N, C-alpha and C. Protein backbone atom coordinates (compact mmCIF):
# COMPACT_ATOMS: atom_id res chain seq x y z
N MET A 1 25.58 7.03 9.88
CA MET A 1 24.31 6.60 10.10
C MET A 1 24.15 5.23 8.66
N ASN A 2 23.61 4.55 8.80
CA ASN A 2 23.53 3.05 7.77
C ASN A 2 22.41 3.62 7.19
N ILE A 3 21.86 3.48 6.19
CA ILE A 3 20.46 3.23 5.98
C ILE A 3 21.01 1.96 4.30
N ASN A 4 19.92 0.91 4.74
CA ASN A 4 20.07 0.45 3.57
C ASN A 4 19.10 0.27 2.24
N THR A 5 19.23 1.20 0.90
CA THR A 5 18.42 1.32 0.10
C THR A 5 17.93 0.61 -0.89
N ASN A 6 18.09 -0.78 -0.28
CA ASN A 6 17.08 -1.81 -0.88
C ASN A 6 16.30 -2.20 -0.48
N THR A 7 15.60 -1.28 0.80
CA THR A 7 14.57 -1.94 1.37
C THR A 7 13.28 -1.57 0.70
N THR A 8 12.22 -2.38 0.73
CA THR A 8 11.11 -2.39 0.09
C THR A 8 9.31 -1.90 0.87
N ILE A 9 9.04 -1.38 0.37
CA ILE A 9 7.64 -0.55 1.44
C ILE A 9 6.59 -0.82 0.54
N TRP A 10 5.09 -1.35 0.78
CA TRP A 10 4.13 -1.89 -0.35
C TRP A 10 2.96 -0.64 0.44
N LYS A 11 2.53 -0.63 -1.12
CA LYS A 11 1.51 0.83 -1.42
C LYS A 11 0.29 -0.04 -1.44
N CYS A 12 -0.58 0.07 -0.70
CA CYS A 12 -2.23 0.18 -0.87
C CYS A 12 -3.02 1.07 -1.82
N GLU A 13 -3.51 1.14 -2.62
CA GLU A 13 -4.05 2.22 -3.23
C GLU A 13 -5.79 1.66 -3.37
N GLN A 14 -6.75 3.09 -2.65
CA GLN A 14 -8.07 2.67 -2.75
C GLN A 14 -8.77 3.14 -3.99
N TYR A 15 -9.36 2.37 -4.55
CA TYR A 15 -10.05 3.51 -5.82
C TYR A 15 -11.33 3.91 -5.80
N VAL A 16 -12.28 4.41 -5.51
CA VAL A 16 -13.73 4.90 -5.55
C VAL A 16 -13.88 5.15 -7.04
N ALA A 17 -14.80 4.57 -7.64
CA ALA A 17 -15.57 4.96 -8.84
C ALA A 17 -14.49 5.35 -9.58
N GLY A 18 -13.32 4.23 -9.53
CA GLY A 18 -12.23 4.59 -10.93
C GLY A 18 -11.33 6.15 -10.47
N LYS A 19 -11.53 6.49 -9.03
CA LYS A 19 -10.78 7.90 -8.64
C LYS A 19 -9.82 7.52 -7.32
N LEU A 20 -8.32 7.87 -7.12
CA LEU A 20 -7.55 7.30 -6.30
C LEU A 20 -8.20 8.08 -5.08
N HIS A 21 -8.56 7.62 -4.40
CA HIS A 21 -9.45 7.72 -2.84
C HIS A 21 -8.46 7.95 -2.04
N GLU A 22 -7.82 7.09 -1.54
CA GLU A 22 -6.68 7.29 -0.10
C GLU A 22 -5.26 5.89 -0.26
N LYS A 23 -4.14 6.08 -0.30
CA LYS A 23 -2.65 5.70 -0.08
C LYS A 23 -2.41 5.01 1.04
N THR A 24 -2.46 3.90 1.48
CA THR A 24 -1.39 3.81 3.01
C THR A 24 -0.15 3.39 2.45
N ILE A 25 0.50 3.23 3.19
CA ILE A 25 1.91 2.54 2.97
C ILE A 25 1.94 1.46 4.41
N PHE A 26 2.76 0.34 4.20
CA PHE A 26 2.85 -0.56 4.86
C PHE A 26 4.60 -1.56 5.21
N GLU A 27 4.50 -1.42 6.01
CA GLU A 27 6.29 -2.34 5.95
C GLU A 27 6.59 -3.88 5.50
N SER A 28 5.15 -4.26 4.80
CA SER A 28 5.03 -5.63 4.62
C SER A 28 4.12 -6.39 3.74
N GLU A 29 4.51 -6.50 2.56
CA GLU A 29 3.76 -7.32 2.00
C GLU A 29 2.07 -8.11 2.88
N GLU A 30 2.65 -9.12 3.51
CA GLU A 30 1.38 -9.33 4.40
C GLU A 30 0.65 -8.42 5.49
N GLN A 31 1.45 -7.28 6.09
CA GLN A 31 0.51 -6.62 6.57
C GLN A 31 -0.61 -5.25 5.67
N ALA A 32 -0.44 -5.64 3.91
CA ALA A 32 -1.13 -4.44 3.13
C ALA A 32 -2.15 -5.37 3.13
N ARG A 33 -1.92 -6.55 2.64
CA ARG A 33 -2.94 -7.67 2.67
C ARG A 33 -3.83 -8.18 3.50
N GLU A 34 -3.15 -7.82 4.52
CA GLU A 34 -4.63 -8.13 5.49
C GLU A 34 -5.26 -6.66 5.94
N PHE A 35 -4.50 -5.79 5.71
CA PHE A 35 -5.52 -4.73 5.88
C PHE A 35 -6.39 -4.58 4.03
N ALA A 36 -6.13 -5.30 2.76
CA ALA A 36 -6.90 -5.23 2.07
C ALA A 36 -7.97 -6.21 2.41
N LYS A 37 -8.11 -7.11 3.04
CA LYS A 37 -8.77 -8.14 3.45
C LYS A 37 -9.69 -7.49 3.91
N LYS A 38 -9.59 -6.75 5.20
CA LYS A 38 -10.61 -5.67 6.30
C LYS A 38 -11.40 -5.02 5.30
N LEU A 39 -10.96 -4.23 5.06
CA LEU A 39 -10.91 -3.08 3.82
C LEU A 39 -12.62 -3.32 3.09
N TYR A 40 -11.88 -4.75 2.97
CA TYR A 40 -12.82 -4.88 1.00
C TYR A 40 -14.42 -5.65 2.15
N GLY A 41 -13.90 -6.02 3.50
CA GLY A 41 -15.13 -6.62 4.02
C GLY A 41 -16.45 -5.56 4.30
N VAL A 42 -15.60 -4.41 4.40
CA VAL A 42 -16.53 -2.92 4.75
C VAL A 42 -17.09 -2.51 3.09
N ARG A 43 -15.49 -1.98 2.48
CA ARG A 43 -16.85 -1.55 1.36
C ARG A 43 -16.01 -2.62 -0.29
N PRO A 44 -16.49 -3.02 -0.20
CA PRO A 44 -16.83 -4.65 -1.45
C PRO A 44 -16.77 -3.68 -2.74
N ASP A 45 -17.05 -2.19 -2.83
CA ASP A 45 -17.24 -1.61 -4.02
C ASP A 45 -15.69 -0.50 -3.70
N THR A 46 -14.61 -1.16 -3.27
CA THR A 46 -13.79 0.04 -3.56
C THR A 46 -12.99 -1.59 -3.80
N ILE A 47 -11.81 -0.84 -5.28
CA ILE A 47 -10.49 -1.32 -5.73
C ILE A 47 -9.64 -1.05 -5.16
N LEU A 48 -8.74 -2.28 -4.90
CA LEU A 48 -7.26 -2.35 -4.29
C LEU A 48 -6.55 -2.78 -5.06
N ARG A 49 -5.32 -1.82 -5.21
CA ARG A 49 -4.10 -2.31 -5.79
C ARG A 49 -3.36 -2.18 -4.63
N ILE A 50 -2.22 -3.00 -4.59
CA ILE A 50 -1.10 -3.53 -3.60
C ILE A 50 0.18 -3.17 -4.63
N GLU A 51 1.25 -3.46 -4.58
CA GLU A 51 2.12 -3.32 -5.28
C GLU A 51 3.25 -2.54 -4.28
N PRO A 52 4.89 -3.16 -4.37
CA PRO A 52 6.05 -2.95 -3.58
C PRO A 52 6.67 -1.57 -4.61
N MET A 53 7.23 -1.04 -3.53
CA MET A 53 8.02 0.35 -3.58
C MET A 53 9.18 0.51 -2.99
N PRO A 54 10.25 1.19 -3.79
CA PRO A 54 11.19 0.24 -3.31
C PRO A 54 11.79 2.23 -2.38
N ILE A 55 12.39 2.14 -0.92
CA ILE A 55 11.95 3.59 -0.42
C ILE A 55 12.48 4.95 -0.90
N GLN A 56 13.46 4.12 -0.99
CA GLN A 56 14.26 5.83 -1.95
C GLN A 56 12.79 6.12 -2.63
N HIS A 57 12.22 6.01 -3.32
CA HIS A 57 11.23 6.25 -4.03
C HIS A 57 10.10 8.00 -2.82
N VAL A 58 10.43 7.40 -1.78
CA VAL A 58 9.90 7.93 -0.75
C VAL A 58 10.17 9.01 -0.28
N TRP A 59 11.75 8.41 0.70
CA TRP A 59 12.66 9.30 1.30
C TRP A 59 13.54 9.44 0.73
N ASN A 60 14.20 11.02 0.43
CA ASN A 60 16.01 11.20 -0.11
C ASN A 60 16.76 10.72 1.03
């Protein structure tokens, strides 16, 4: 099995009232940003944080 250790995934965290409400993982930045746009349209009180994360921090 050949695994590319340089692969990056994108994490979108949702904060409500200053507390982490939910964390969602995406394969690309575009997917994460599209999700955030849709969510913000429904829940404008949610703070969203999108950041890249090396896949090796998720799975060993």
